[in-house]
Each structure stands twice: as C-alpha cells, then as structure tokens.
Amino acid sequence: MRIQRAEQLPRFESTRDTRSRLDLVVDARTIKADRIVYHPGDSAARHYHSDGDQLFVVLAGAGEMHVDEESRRLRAGDTAVARAGELHWFENDTDEDFVFVEFWAPPPTETVWVDTGDV
C-alpha cells in the first residue's frame, strides 16, 4: 500500500488569480488527476488540449463551465467532460470556493492557450 499526504504532493499556484492545483495522480502514462480550487472571482484562461479527454467531478461549491459556445452551471456532485480539442474554461462567480477533481485520460501532451499572454 502506498499513502501520500496532501502536503507531499506537487502543487501549482496560479499567477493569474488565486486558483490552486494539487496533483493527485502523477507520473502516470494512462491517467492523471488534479484537485482544483477556484476561489471567489477566479477564472481560467480559454484553452484546449490537443489530446486527452478530461472528466470533472465537482466536490464543493458551484461555478460556470464553458465548452466551445455552451455554458453550464456545475454544482457539488455534478460531473462533466471536455473532449480533446474542445475549447473550455471555468469561472467562479460565487462567494464560496468552487472545488473539483479533474481526471485526464490519457494525460495531455499539449495545452493551447487561446489568448496569448493569458495563461
């Protein structure tokens, strides 16, 4: 059995806003998982992944998910998918944290940011 404490896992802190990512599954060839926290007012830059689909499982709060031309409200307990090549981004327009786990299968080899300089 292998157990890792949260403080031992790799983290990413956004330079765009206060979002944070905790890598749950790393060094995997077939799947990757991250826990993402969007604090009130946070939003991601528009982007897509050239390969690898993503499954999102919302753990807490609510937020808006945008995929191509469509937007949907996600709440705790909801799941959503973004396929490879689909333009997507999230925003937290509430006063509570919006928290989800994203699973990648397979992990993407390229992320394309639509708006240059907005990563």
PDB file of N, CA and C in Angstrom:
ATOM      1  N   MET A   1       0.842  -1.177   0.000  1.00  0.00           N
ATOM      2  CA  MET A   1       0.000   0.000   0.000  1.00  0.00           C
ATOM      3  C   MET A   1       0.887   1.239   0.000  1.00  0.00           C
ATOM      4  N   ARG A   2       0.477   2.233  -0.771  1.00  0.00           N
ATOM      5  CA  ARG A   2       1.217   3.491  -0.830  1.00  0.00           C
ATOM      6  C   ARG A   2       0.283   4.625  -0.420  1.00  0.00           C
ATOM      7  N   ILE A   3       0.677   5.381   0.555  1.00  0.00           N
ATOM      8  CA  ILE A   3      -0.117   6.513   1.034  1.00  0.00           C
ATOM      9  C   ILE A   3       0.726   7.770   0.917  1.00  0.00           C
ATOM     10  N   GLN A   4       0.142   8.809   0.362  1.00  0.00           N
ATOM     11  CA  GLN A   4       0.821  10.097   0.287  1.00  0.00           C
ATOM     12  C   GLN A   4      -0.043  11.147   0.961  1.00  0.00           C
ATOM     13  N   ARG A   5       0.555  11.940   1.793  1.00  0.00           N
ATOM     14  CA  ARG A   5      -0.138  13.038   2.447  1.00  0.00           C
ATOM     15  C   ARG A   5      -0.253  14.204   1.466  1.00  0.00           C
ATOM     16  N   ALA A   6      -1.295  14.997   1.611  1.00  0.00           N
ATOM     17  CA  ALA A   6      -1.527  16.116   0.707  1.00  0.00           C
ATOM     18  C   ALA A   6      -0.325  17.048   0.638  1.00  0.00           C
ATOM     19  N   GLU A   7       0.345  17.274   1.755  1.00  0.00           N
ATOM     20  CA  GLU A   7       1.494  18.194   1.761  1.00  0.00           C
ATOM     21  C   GLU A   7       2.694  17.643   0.991  1.00  0.00           C
ATOM     22  N   GLN A   8       2.692  16.354   0.652  1.00  0.00           N
ATOM     23  CA  GLN A   8       3.781  15.739  -0.101  1.00  0.00           C
ATOM     24  C   GLN A   8       3.558  15.806  -1.613  1.00  0.00           C
ATOM     25  N   LEU A   9       2.352  16.157  -2.039  1.00  0.00           N
ATOM     26  CA  LEU A   9       2.004  16.133  -3.453  1.00  0.00           C
ATOM     27  C   LEU A   9       2.390  17.440  -4.139  1.00  0.00           C
ATOM     28  N   PRO A  10       2.725  17.372  -5.425  1.00  0.00           N
ATOM     29  CA  PRO A  10       3.070  18.585  -6.175  1.00  0.00           C
ATOM     30  C   PRO A  10       1.894  19.561  -6.238  1.00  0.00           C
ATOM     31  N   ARG A  11       2.197  20.850  -6.177  1.00  0.00           N
ATOM     32  CA  ARG A  11       1.181  21.899  -6.199  1.00  0.00           C
ATOM     33  C   ARG A  11       1.490  22.916  -7.287  1.00  0.00           C
ATOM     34  N   PHE A  12       0.446  23.589  -7.752  1.00  0.00           N
ATOM     35  CA  PHE A  12       0.580  24.671  -8.712  1.00  0.00           C
ATOM     36  C   PHE A  12      -0.237  25.838  -8.192  1.00  0.00           C
ATOM     37  N   GLU A  13       0.359  26.996  -8.090  1.00  0.00           N
ATOM     38  CA  GLU A  13      -0.343  28.214  -7.698  1.00  0.00           C
ATOM     39  C   GLU A  13      -0.404  29.108  -8.931  1.00  0.00           C
ATOM     40  N   SER A  14      -1.568  29.561  -9.296  1.00  0.00           N
ATOM     41  CA  SER A  14      -1.766  30.384 -10.483  1.00  0.00           C
ATOM     42  C   SER A  14      -1.108  31.744 -10.322  1.00  0.00           C
ATOM     43  N   THR A  15      -0.563  32.257 -11.417  1.00  0.00           N
ATOM     44  CA  THR A  15      -0.059  33.618 -11.422  1.00  0.00           C
ATOM     45  C   THR A  15      -1.125  34.572 -11.959  1.00  0.00           C
ATOM     46  N   ARG A  16      -2.251  34.031 -12.407  1.00  0.00           N
ATOM     47  CA  ARG A  16      -3.348  34.822 -12.979  1.00  0.00           C
ATOM     48  C   ARG A  16      -4.324  35.276 -11.909  1.00  0.00           C
ATOM     49  N   ASP A  17      -4.596  34.393 -10.924  1.00  0.00           N
ATOM     50  CA  ASP A  17      -5.523  34.696  -9.842  1.00  0.00           C
ATOM     51  C   ASP A  17      -5.182  33.792  -8.662  1.00  0.00           C
ATOM     52  N   THR A  18      -6.132  33.454  -7.817  1.00  0.00           N
ATOM     53  CA  THR A  18      -5.804  32.686  -6.609  1.00  0.00           C
ATOM     54  C   THR A  18      -6.087  31.190  -6.730  1.00  0.00           C
ATOM     55  N   ARG A  19      -6.352  30.709  -7.946  1.00  0.00           N
ATOM     56  CA  ARG A  19      -6.590  29.271  -8.125  1.00  0.00           C
ATOM     57  C   ARG A  19      -5.399  28.453  -7.653  1.00  0.00           C
ATOM     58  N   SER A  20      -5.666  27.221  -7.243  1.00  0.00           N
ATOM     59  CA  SER A  20      -4.577  26.309  -6.884  1.00  0.00           C
ATOM     60  C   SER A  20      -4.905  24.908  -7.367  1.00  0.00           C
ATOM     61  N   ARG A  21      -3.848  24.131  -7.642  1.00  0.00           N
ATOM     62  CA  ARG A  21      -3.996  22.761  -8.113  1.00  0.00           C
ATOM     63  C   ARG A  21      -3.123  21.866  -7.255  1.00  0.00           C
ATOM     64  N   LEU A  22      -3.663  20.731  -6.869  1.00  0.00           N
ATOM     65  CA  LEU A  22      -2.927  19.710  -6.138  1.00  0.00           C
ATOM     66  C   LEU A  22      -2.938  18.460  -7.004  1.00  0.00           C
ATOM     67  N   ASP A  23      -1.758  18.000  -7.443  1.00  0.00           N
ATOM     68  CA  ASP A  23      -1.668  16.814  -8.291  1.00  0.00           C
ATOM     69  C   ASP A  23      -1.916  15.561  -7.453  1.00  0.00           C
ATOM     70  N   LEU A  24      -2.992  14.834  -7.760  1.00  0.00           N
ATOM     71  CA  LEU A  24      -3.354  13.635  -7.000  1.00  0.00           C
ATOM     72  C   LEU A  24      -2.709  12.383  -7.566  1.00  0.00           C
ATOM     73  N   VAL A  25      -2.660  12.278  -8.884  1.00  0.00           N
ATOM     74  CA  VAL A  25      -2.008  11.154  -9.547  1.00  0.00           C
ATOM     75  C   VAL A  25      -0.971  11.759 -10.489  1.00  0.00           C
ATOM     76  N   VAL A  26       0.286  11.400 -10.275  1.00  0.00           N
ATOM     77  CA  VAL A  26       1.375  11.948 -11.091  1.00  0.00           C
ATOM     78  C   VAL A  26       2.228  10.809 -11.639  1.00  0.00           C
ATOM     79  N   ASP A  27       3.053  11.111 -12.641  1.00  0.00           N
ATOM     80  CA  ASP A  27       3.935  10.125 -13.259  1.00  0.00           C
ATOM     81  C   ASP A  27       3.178   8.923 -13.809  1.00  0.00           C
ATOM     82  N   ALA A  28       1.979   9.163 -14.281  1.00  0.00           N
ATOM     83  CA  ALA A  28       1.177   8.080 -14.847  1.00  0.00           C
ATOM     84  C   ALA A  28       1.147   8.211 -16.364  1.00  0.00           C
ATOM     85  N   ARG A  29       1.100   7.094 -17.051  1.00  0.00           N
ATOM     86  CA  ARG A  29       1.056   7.101 -18.514  1.00  0.00           C
ATOM     87  C   ARG A  29      -0.365   7.120 -19.060  1.00  0.00           C
ATOM     88  N   THR A  30      -1.315   6.620 -18.286  1.00  0.00           N
ATOM     89  CA  THR A  30      -2.661   6.475 -18.815  1.00  0.00           C
ATOM     90  C   THR A  30      -3.689   7.378 -18.158  1.00  0.00           C
ATOM     91  N   ILE A  31      -3.404   7.897 -16.967  1.00  0.00           N
ATOM     92  CA  ILE A  31      -4.366   8.758 -16.274  1.00  0.00           C
ATOM     93  C   ILE A  31      -3.627   9.738 -15.384  1.00  0.00           C
ATOM     94  N   LYS A  32      -4.218  10.901 -15.227  1.00  0.00           N
ATOM     95  CA  LYS A  32      -3.691  11.924 -14.323  1.00  0.00           C
ATOM     96  C   LYS A  32      -4.879  12.522 -13.603  1.00  0.00           C
ATOM     97  N   ALA A  33      -4.703  12.936 -12.372  1.00  0.00           N
ATOM     98  CA  ALA A  33      -5.798  13.556 -11.616  1.00  0.00           C
ATOM     99  C   ALA A  33      -5.266  14.724 -10.800  1.00  0.00           C
ATOM    100  N   ASP A  34      -6.034  15.815 -10.794  1.00  0.00           N
ATOM    101  CA  ASP A  34      -5.690  17.011 -10.039  1.00  0.00           C
ATOM    102  C   ASP A  34      -6.915  17.467  -9.256  1.00  0.00           C
ATOM    103  N   ARG A  35      -6.687  18.043  -8.069  1.00  0.00           N
ATOM    104  CA  ARG A  35      -7.763  18.720  -7.350  1.00  0.00           C
ATOM    105  C   ARG A  35      -7.568  20.213  -7.584  1.00  0.00           C
ATOM    106  N   ILE A  36      -8.609  20.871  -8.066  1.00  0.00           N
ATOM    107  CA  ILE A  36      -8.538  22.282  -8.416  1.00  0.00           C
ATOM    108  C   ILE A  36      -9.450  23.082  -7.492  1.00  0.00           C
ATOM    109  N   VAL A  37      -8.955  24.231  -7.022  1.00  0.00           N
ATOM    110  CA  VAL A  37      -9.763  25.137  -6.206  1.00  0.00           C
ATOM    111  C   VAL A  37      -9.810  26.495  -6.900  1.00  0.00           C
ATOM    112  N   TYR A  38     -11.015  26.928  -7.243  1.00  0.00           N
ATOM    113  CA  TYR A  38     -11.251  28.280  -7.741  1.00  0.00           C
ATOM    114  C   TYR A  38     -11.852  29.059  -6.579  1.00  0.00           C
ATOM    115  N   HIS A  39     -11.142  30.065  -6.126  1.00  0.00           N
ATOM    116  CA  HIS A  39     -11.654  30.922  -5.067  1.00  0.00           C
ATOM    117  C   HIS A  39     -12.628  31.917  -5.686  1.00  0.00           C
ATOM    118  N   PRO A  40     -13.449  32.588  -4.878  1.00  0.00           N
ATOM    119  CA  PRO A  40     -14.399  33.554  -5.425  1.00  0.00           C
ATOM    120  C   PRO A  40     -13.720  34.538  -6.384  1.00  0.00           C
ATOM    121  N   GLY A  41     -14.318  34.682  -7.570  1.00  0.00           N
ATOM    122  CA  GLY A  41     -13.798  35.603  -8.571  1.00  0.00           C
ATOM    123  C   GLY A  41     -12.765  35.025  -9.518  1.00  0.00           C
ATOM    124  N   ASP A  42     -12.239  33.819  -9.247  1.00  0.00           N
ATOM    125  CA  ASP A  42     -11.231  33.211 -10.116  1.00  0.00           C
ATOM    126  C   ASP A  42     -11.860  32.745 -11.432  1.00  0.00           C
ATOM    127  N   SER A  43     -11.061  32.783 -12.493  1.00  0.00           N
ATOM    128  CA  SER A  43     -11.481  32.234 -13.782  1.00  0.00           C
ATOM    129  C   SER A  43     -10.237  31.777 -14.536  1.00  0.00           C
ATOM    130  N   ALA A  44     -10.391  30.724 -15.300  1.00  0.00           N
ATOM    131  CA  ALA A  44      -9.272  30.196 -16.088  1.00  0.00           C
ATOM    132  C   ALA A  44      -9.226  30.886 -17.440  1.00  0.00           C
ATOM    133  N   ALA A  45      -8.065  30.850 -18.065  1.00  0.00           N
ATOM    134  CA  ALA A  45      -7.929  31.338 -19.433  1.00  0.00           C
ATOM    135  C   ALA A  45      -8.533  30.306 -20.385  1.00  0.00           C
ATOM    136  N   ARG A  46      -9.072  30.774 -21.508  1.00  0.00           N
ATOM    137  CA  ARG A  46      -9.639  29.865 -22.512  1.00  0.00           C
ATOM    138  C   ARG A  46      -8.515  29.025 -23.108  1.00  0.00           C
ATOM    139  N   HIS A  47      -8.742  27.705 -23.175  1.00  0.00           N
ATOM    140  CA  HIS A  47      -7.708  26.806 -23.675  1.00  0.00           C
ATOM    141  C   HIS A  47      -8.319  25.489 -24.136  1.00  0.00           C
ATOM    142  N   TYR A  48      -7.487  24.692 -24.787  1.00  0.00           N
ATOM    143  CA  TYR A  48      -7.881  23.324 -25.117  1.00  0.00           C
ATOM    144  C   TYR A  48      -6.638  22.460 -25.090  1.00  0.00           C
ATOM    145  N   HIS A  49      -6.861  21.158 -25.065  1.00  0.00           N
ATOM    146  CA  HIS A  49      -5.771  20.190 -25.042  1.00  0.00           C
ATOM    147  C   HIS A  49      -5.825  19.412 -26.348  1.00  0.00           C
ATOM    148  N   SER A  50      -4.677  19.268 -26.985  1.00  0.00           N
ATOM    149  CA  SER A  50      -4.643  18.631 -28.295  1.00  0.00           C
ATOM    150  C   SER A  50      -4.978  17.144 -28.235  1.00  0.00           C
ATOM    151  N   ASP A  51      -4.771  16.554 -27.087  1.00  0.00           N
ATOM    152  CA  ASP A  51      -5.094  15.138 -26.907  1.00  0.00           C
ATOM    153  C   ASP A  51      -5.505  14.921 -25.459  1.00  0.00           C
ATOM    154  N   GLY A  52      -6.202  13.864 -25.178  1.00  0.00           N
ATOM    155  CA  GLY A  52      -6.632  13.549 -23.820  1.00  0.00           C
ATOM    156  C   GLY A  52      -7.948  14.208 -23.455  1.00  0.00           C
ATOM    157  N   ASP A  53      -8.905  13.398 -23.055  1.00  0.00           N
ATOM    158  CA  ASP A  53     -10.185  13.890 -22.566  1.00  0.00           C
ATOM    159  C   ASP A  53     -10.067  14.185 -21.071  1.00  0.00           C
ATOM    160  N   GLN A  54     -10.961  15.055 -20.562  1.00  0.00           N
ATOM    161  CA  GLN A  54     -10.984  15.381 -19.144  1.00  0.00           C
ATOM    162  C   GLN A  54     -12.364  15.099 -18.574  1.00  0.00           C
ATOM    163  N   LEU A  55     -12.382  14.501 -17.391  1.00  0.00           N
ATOM    164  CA  LEU A  55     -13.609  14.290 -16.630  1.00  0.00           C
ATOM    165  C   LEU A  55     -13.494  15.129 -15.374  1.00  0.00           C
ATOM    166  N   PHE A  56     -14.499  15.946 -15.095  1.00  0.00           N
ATOM    167  CA  PHE A  56     -14.511  16.819 -13.928  1.00  0.00           C
ATOM    168  C   PHE A  56     -15.571  16.332 -12.948  1.00  0.00           C
ATOM    169  N   VAL A  57     -15.213  16.209 -11.677  1.00  0.00           N
ATOM    170  CA  VAL A  57     -16.143  15.818 -10.622  1.00  0.00           C
ATOM    171  C   VAL A  57     -16.137  16.946  -9.594  1.00  0.00           C
ATOM    172  N   VAL A  58     -17.278  17.618  -9.455  1.00  0.00           N
ATOM    173  CA  VAL A  58     -17.364  18.770  -8.560  1.00  0.00           C
ATOM    174  C   VAL A  58     -17.555  18.282  -7.126  1.00  0.00           C
ATOM    175  N   LEU A  59     -16.643  18.727  -6.244  1.00  0.00           N
ATOM    176  CA  LEU A  59     -16.673  18.319  -4.839  1.00  0.00           C
ATOM    177  C   LEU A  59     -17.414  19.313  -3.952  1.00  0.00           C
ATOM    178  N   ALA A  60     -17.271  20.611  -4.241  1.00  0.00           N
ATOM    179  CA  ALA A  60     -17.880  21.631  -3.387  1.00  0.00           C
ATOM    180  C   ALA A  60     -18.136  22.897  -4.187  1.00  0.00           C
ATOM    181  N   GLY A  61     -19.129  23.653  -3.748  1.00  0.00           N
ATOM    182  CA  GLY A  61     -19.418  24.944  -4.357  1.00  0.00           C
ATOM    183  C   GLY A  61     -20.097  24.816  -5.702  1.00  0.00           C
ATOM    184  N   ALA A  62     -20.015  25.905  -6.466  1.00  0.00           N
ATOM    185  CA  ALA A  62     -20.636  25.963  -7.794  1.00  0.00           C
ATOM    186  C   ALA A  62     -19.820  26.904  -8.664  1.00  0.00           C
ATOM    187  N   GLY A  63     -19.918  26.703  -9.965  1.00  0.00           N
ATOM    188  CA  GLY A  63     -19.220  27.559 -10.903  1.00  0.00           C
ATOM    189  C   GLY A  63     -19.726  27.334 -12.302  1.00  0.00           C
ATOM    190  N   GLU A  64     -19.251  28.155 -13.209  1.00  0.00           N
ATOM    191  CA  GLU A  64     -19.661  28.086 -14.600  1.00  0.00           C
ATOM    192  C   GLU A  64     -18.587  27.367 -15.413  1.00  0.00           C
ATOM    193  N   MET A  65     -19.001  26.381 -16.226  1.00  0.00           N
ATOM    194  CA  MET A  65     -18.105  25.703 -17.148  1.00  0.00           C
ATOM    195  C   MET A  65     -18.491  26.113 -18.560  1.00  0.00           C
ATOM    196  N   HIS A  66     -17.506  26.531 -19.326  1.00  0.00           N
ATOM    197  CA  HIS A  66     -17.717  26.932 -20.714  1.00  0.00           C
ATOM    198  C   HIS A  66     -17.002  25.919 -21.610  1.00  0.00           C
ATOM    199  N   VAL A  67     -17.718  25.358 -22.569  1.00  0.00           N
ATOM    200  CA  VAL A  67     -17.137  24.441 -23.554  1.00  0.00           C
ATOM    201  C   VAL A  67     -17.614  24.900 -24.924  1.00  0.00           C
ATOM    202  N   ASP A  68     -16.634  25.286 -25.754  1.00  0.00           N
ATOM    203  CA  ASP A  68     -16.939  25.859 -27.063  1.00  0.00           C
ATOM    204  C   ASP A  68     -17.939  27.003 -26.884  1.00  0.00           C
ATOM    205  N   GLU A  69     -19.111  26.937 -27.464  1.00  0.00           N
ATOM    206  CA  GLU A  69     -20.093  28.030 -27.382  1.00  0.00           C
ATOM    207  C   GLU A  69     -21.133  27.824 -26.281  1.00  0.00           C
ATOM    208  N   GLU A  70     -20.999  26.769 -25.491  1.00  0.00           N
ATOM    209  CA  GLU A  70     -22.017  26.428 -24.499  1.00  0.00           C
ATOM    210  C   GLU A  70     -21.503  26.668 -23.083  1.00  0.00           C
ATOM    211  N   SER A  71     -22.376  27.121 -22.192  1.00  0.00           N
ATOM    212  CA  SER A  71     -22.034  27.318 -20.776  1.00  0.00           C
ATOM    213  C   SER A  71     -23.036  26.582 -19.909  1.00  0.00           C
ATOM    214  N   ARG A  72     -22.522  25.991 -18.851  1.00  0.00           N
ATOM    215  CA  ARG A  72     -23.382  25.257 -17.913  1.00  0.00           C
ATOM    216  C   ARG A  72     -22.952  25.548 -16.484  1.00  0.00           C
ATOM    217  N   ARG A  73     -23.913  25.589 -15.587  1.00  0.00           N
ATOM    218  CA  ARG A  73     -23.672  25.758 -14.171  1.00  0.00           C
ATOM    219  C   ARG A  73     -23.394  24.383 -13.579  1.00  0.00           C
ATOM    220  N   LEU A  74     -22.269  24.239 -12.878  1.00  0.00           N
ATOM    221  CA  LEU A  74     -21.918  22.990 -12.201  1.00  0.00           C
ATOM    222  C   LEU A  74     -22.009  23.204 -10.697  1.00  0.00           C
ATOM    223  N   ARG A  75     -22.484  22.172 -10.000  1.00  0.00           N
ATOM    224  CA  ARG A  75     -22.611  22.201  -8.543  1.00  0.00           C
ATOM    225  C   ARG A  75     -22.018  20.932  -7.958  1.00  0.00           C
ATOM    226  N   ALA A  76     -21.776  20.947  -6.651  1.00  0.00           N
ATOM    227  CA  ALA A  76     -21.245  19.770  -5.973  1.00  0.00           C
ATOM    228  C   ALA A  76     -22.059  18.537  -6.347  1.00  0.00           C
ATOM    229  N   GLY A  77     -21.351  17.464  -6.724  1.00  0.00           N
ATOM    230  CA  GLY A  77     -21.991  16.223  -7.141  1.00  0.00           C
ATOM    231  C   GLY A  77     -22.104  16.075  -8.641  1.00  0.00           C
ATOM    232  N   ASP A  78     -21.971  17.155  -9.397  1.00  0.00           N
ATOM    233  CA  ASP A  78     -22.054  17.094 -10.861  1.00  0.00           C
ATOM    234  C   ASP A  78     -20.755  16.564 -11.460  1.00  0.00           C
ATOM    235  N   THR A  79     -20.879  15.971 -12.640  1.00  0.00           N
ATOM    236  CA  THR A  79     -19.709  15.588 -13.434  1.00  0.00           C
ATOM    237  C   THR A  79     -19.870  16.189 -14.827  1.00  0.00           C
ATOM    238  N   ALA A  80     -18.754  16.439 -15.478  1.00  0.00           N
ATOM    239  CA  ALA A  80     -18.763  16.999 -16.824  1.00  0.00           C
ATOM    240  C   ALA A  80     -17.540  16.488 -17.565  1.00  0.00           C
ATOM    241  N   VAL A  81     -17.589  16.537 -18.884  1.00  0.00           N
ATOM    242  CA  VAL A  81     -16.488  16.066 -19.718  1.00  0.00           C
ATOM    243  C   VAL A  81     -16.114  17.147 -20.721  1.00  0.00           C
ATOM    244  N   ALA A  82     -14.821  17.331 -20.944  1.00  0.00           N
ATOM    245  CA  ALA A  82     -14.306  18.138 -22.050  1.00  0.00           C
ATOM    246  C   ALA A  82     -13.442  17.205 -22.896  1.00  0.00           C
ATOM    247  N   ARG A  83     -13.792  17.064 -24.142  1.00  0.00           N
ATOM    248  CA  ARG A  83     -13.062  16.182 -25.051  1.00  0.00           C
ATOM    249  C   ARG A  83     -11.821  16.890 -25.596  1.00  0.00           C
ATOM    250  N   ALA A  84     -10.872  16.115 -26.034  1.00  0.00           N
ATOM    251  CA  ALA A  84      -9.669  16.673 -26.655  1.00  0.00           C
ATOM    252  C   ALA A  84     -10.078  17.618 -27.778  1.00  0.00           C
ATOM    253  N   GLY A  85      -9.457  18.790 -27.811  1.00  0.00           N
ATOM    254  CA  GLY A  85      -9.738  19.771 -28.845  1.00  0.00           C
ATOM    255  C   GLY A  85     -10.882  20.717 -28.545  1.00  0.00           C
ATOM    256  N   GLU A  86     -11.673  20.462 -27.496  1.00  0.00           N
ATOM    257  CA  GLU A  86     -12.771  21.359 -27.155  1.00  0.00           C
ATOM    258  C   GLU A  86     -12.250  22.545 -26.336  1.00  0.00           C
ATOM    259  N   LEU A  87     -12.559  23.741 -26.791  1.00  0.00           N
ATOM    260  CA  LEU A  87     -12.206  24.954 -26.069  1.00  0.00           C
ATOM    261  C   LEU A  87     -12.990  24.980 -24.763  1.00  0.00           C
ATOM    262  N   HIS A  88     -12.298  25.186 -23.630  1.00  0.00           N
ATOM    263  CA  HIS A  88     -13.010  25.200 -22.354  1.00  0.00           C
ATOM    264  C   HIS A  88     -12.310  26.085 -21.331  1.00  0.00           C
ATOM    265  N   TRP A  89     -13.092  26.493 -20.333  1.00  0.00           N
ATOM    266  CA  TRP A  89     -12.577  27.238 -19.193  1.00  0.00           C
ATOM    267  C   TRP A  89     -13.664  27.294 -18.127  1.00  0.00           C
ATOM    268  N   PHE A  90     -13.270  27.661 -16.915  1.00  0.00           N
ATOM    269  CA  PHE A  90     -14.179  27.735 -15.776  1.00  0.00           C
ATOM    270  C   PHE A  90     -14.122  29.123 -15.169  1.00  0.00           C
ATOM    271  N   GLU A  91     -15.182  29.460 -14.431  1.00  0.00           N
ATOM    272  CA  GLU A  91     -15.150  30.671 -13.628  1.00  0.00           C
ATOM    273  C   GLU A  91     -15.984  30.462 -12.370  1.00  0.00           C
ATOM    274  N   ASN A  92     -15.522  31.065 -11.295  1.00  0.00           N
ATOM    275  CA  ASN A  92     -16.263  31.031 -10.043  1.00  0.00           C
ATOM    276  C   ASN A  92     -16.864  32.409  -9.823  1.00  0.00           C
ATOM    277  N   ASP A  93     -18.165  32.501 -10.041  1.00  0.00           N
ATOM    278  CA  ASP A  93     -18.882  33.765  -9.877  1.00  0.00           C
ATOM    279  C   ASP A  93     -19.682  33.790  -8.572  1.00  0.00           C
ATOM    280  N   THR A  94     -19.247  32.979  -7.608  1.00  0.00           N
ATOM    281  CA  THR A  94     -19.932  32.909  -6.315  1.00  0.00           C
ATOM    282  C   THR A  94     -19.018  33.459  -5.217  1.00  0.00           C
ATOM    283  N   ASP A  95     -19.505  33.440  -3.984  1.00  0.00           N
ATOM    284  CA  ASP A  95     -18.684  33.894  -2.858  1.00  0.00           C
ATOM    285  C   ASP A  95     -18.145  32.718  -2.037  1.00  0.00           C
ATOM    286  N   GLU A  96     -18.188  31.507  -2.612  1.00  0.00           N
ATOM    287  CA  GLU A  96     -17.633  30.312  -1.976  1.00  0.00           C
ATOM    288  C   GLU A  96     -16.626  29.662  -2.917  1.00  0.00           C
ATOM    289  N   ASP A  97     -15.736  28.833  -2.374  1.00  0.00           N
ATOM    290  CA  ASP A  97     -14.790  28.091  -3.207  1.00  0.00           C
ATOM    291  C   ASP A  97     -15.531  27.114  -4.120  1.00  0.00           C
ATOM    292  N   PHE A  98     -15.038  26.988  -5.331  1.00  0.00           N
ATOM    293  CA  PHE A  98     -15.526  26.029  -6.329  1.00  0.00           C
ATOM    294  C   PHE A  98     -14.415  24.991  -6.465  1.00  0.00           C
ATOM    295  N   VAL A  99     -14.675  23.755  -6.042  1.00  0.00           N
ATOM    296  CA  VAL A  99     -13.636  22.729  -5.942  1.00  0.00           C
ATOM    297  C   VAL A  99     -14.035  21.515  -6.769  1.00  0.00           C
ATOM    298  N   PHE A 100     -13.100  21.044  -7.587  1.00  0.00           N
ATOM    299  CA  PHE A 100     -13.374  19.834  -8.362  1.00  0.00           C
ATOM    300  C   PHE A 100     -12.094  19.033  -8.561  1.00  0.00           C
ATOM    301  N   VAL A 101     -12.285  17.767  -8.908  1.00  0.00           N
ATOM    302  CA  VAL A 101     -11.179  16.896  -9.311  1.00  0.00           C
ATOM    303  C   VAL A 101     -11.296  16.721 -10.809  1.00  0.00           C
ATOM    304  N   GLU A 102     -10.154  16.856 -11.502  1.00  0.00           N
ATOM    305  CA  GLU A 102     -10.151  16.587 -12.937  1.00  0.00           C
ATOM    306  C   GLU A 102      -9.299  15.355 -13.195  1.00  0.00           C
ATOM    307  N   PHE A 103      -9.857  14.446 -13.985  1.00  0.00           N
ATOM    308  CA  PHE A 103      -9.168  13.231 -14.401  1.00  0.00           C
ATOM    309  C   PHE A 103      -8.859  13.364 -15.880  1.00  0.00           C
ATOM    310  N   TRP A 104      -7.636  13.065 -16.262  1.00  0.00           N
ATOM    311  CA  TRP A 104      -7.197  13.133 -17.654  1.00  0.00           C
ATOM    312  C   TRP A 104      -6.926  11.710 -18.143  1.00  0.00           C
ATOM    313  N   ALA A 105      -7.426  11.372 -19.330  1.00  0.00           N
ATOM    314  CA  ALA A 105      -7.163  10.052 -19.876  1.00  0.00           C
ATOM    315  C   ALA A 105      -7.047  10.148 -21.394  1.00  0.00           C
ATOM    316  N   PRO A 106      -5.853   9.973 -21.935  1.00  0.00           N
ATOM    317  CA  PRO A 106      -4.559   9.990 -21.252  1.00  0.00           C
ATOM    318  C   PRO A 106      -4.165  11.426 -20.909  1.00  0.00           C
ATOM    319  N   PRO A 107      -3.129  11.609 -20.093  1.00  0.00           N
ATOM    320  CA  PRO A 107      -2.663  12.963 -19.799  1.00  0.00           C
ATOM    321  C   PRO A 107      -2.286  13.681 -21.097  1.00  0.00           C
ATOM    322  N   PRO A 108      -2.645  14.959 -21.221  1.00  0.00           N
ATOM    323  CA  PRO A 108      -2.377  15.677 -22.470  1.00  0.00           C
ATOM    324  C   PRO A 108      -0.890  15.961 -22.660  1.00  0.00           C
ATOM    325  N   THR A 109      -0.493  16.029 -23.918  1.00  0.00           N
ATOM    326  CA  THR A 109       0.896  16.382 -24.214  1.00  0.00           C
ATOM    327  C   THR A 109       1.023  17.853 -24.583  1.00  0.00           C
ATOM    328  N   GLU A 110      -0.128  18.520 -24.873  1.00  0.00           N
ATOM    329  CA  GLU A 110      -0.071  19.931 -25.245  1.00  0.00           C
ATOM    330  C   GLU A 110      -1.344  20.652 -24.802  1.00  0.00           C
ATOM    331  N   THR A 111      -1.157  21.816 -24.188  1.00  0.00           N
ATOM    332  CA  THR A 111      -2.259  22.723 -23.871  1.00  0.00           C
ATOM    333  C   THR A 111      -2.085  23.963 -24.737  1.00  0.00           C
ATOM    334  N   VAL A 112      -3.149  24.365 -25.424  1.00  0.00           N
ATOM    335  CA  VAL A 112      -3.108  25.527 -26.298  1.00  0.00           C
ATOM    336  C   VAL A 112      -3.936  26.638 -25.657  1.00  0.00           C
ATOM    337  N   TRP A 113      -3.268  27.761 -25.340  1.00  0.00           N
ATOM    338  CA  TRP A 113      -3.917  28.916 -24.737  1.00  0.00           C
ATOM    339  C   TRP A 113      -4.401  29.824 -25.859  1.00  0.00           C
ATOM    340  N   VAL A 114      -5.679  30.140 -25.879  1.00  0.00           N
ATOM    341  CA  VAL A 114      -6.285  30.889 -26.969  1.00  0.00           C
ATOM    342  C   VAL A 114      -5.838  32.350 -26.980  1.00  0.00           C
ATOM    343  N   ASP A 115      -5.849  32.994 -25.847  1.00  0.00           N
ATOM    344  CA  ASP A 115      -5.478  34.398 -25.757  1.00  0.00           C
ATOM    345  C   ASP A 115      -4.019  34.501 -25.330  1.00  0.00           C
ATOM    346  N   THR A 116      -3.169  34.901 -26.241  1.00  0.00           N
ATOM    347  CA  THR A 116      -1.734  34.987 -25.982  1.00  0.00           C
ATOM    348  C   THR A 116      -1.465  35.824 -24.726  1.00  0.00           C
ATOM    349  N   GLY A 117      -0.654  35.296 -23.826  1.00  0.00           N
ATOM    350  CA  GLY A 117      -0.311  36.012 -22.606  1.00  0.00           C
ATOM    351  C   GLY A 117      -1.285  35.817 -21.468  1.00  0.00           C
ATOM    352  N   ASP A 118      -2.410  35.140 -21.702  1.00  0.00           N
ATOM    353  CA  ASP A 118      -3.418  34.909 -20.665  1.00  0.00           C
ATOM    354  C   ASP A 118      -3.425  33.443 -20.291  1.00  0.00           C
ATOM    355  N   VAL A 119      -2.495  33.062 -19.426  1.00  0.00           N
ATOM    356  CA  VAL A 119      -2.354  31.644 -19.050  1.00  0.00           C
ATOM    357  C   VAL A 119      -2.826  31.436 -17.631  1.00  0.00           C
TER     358      VAL A 119
END
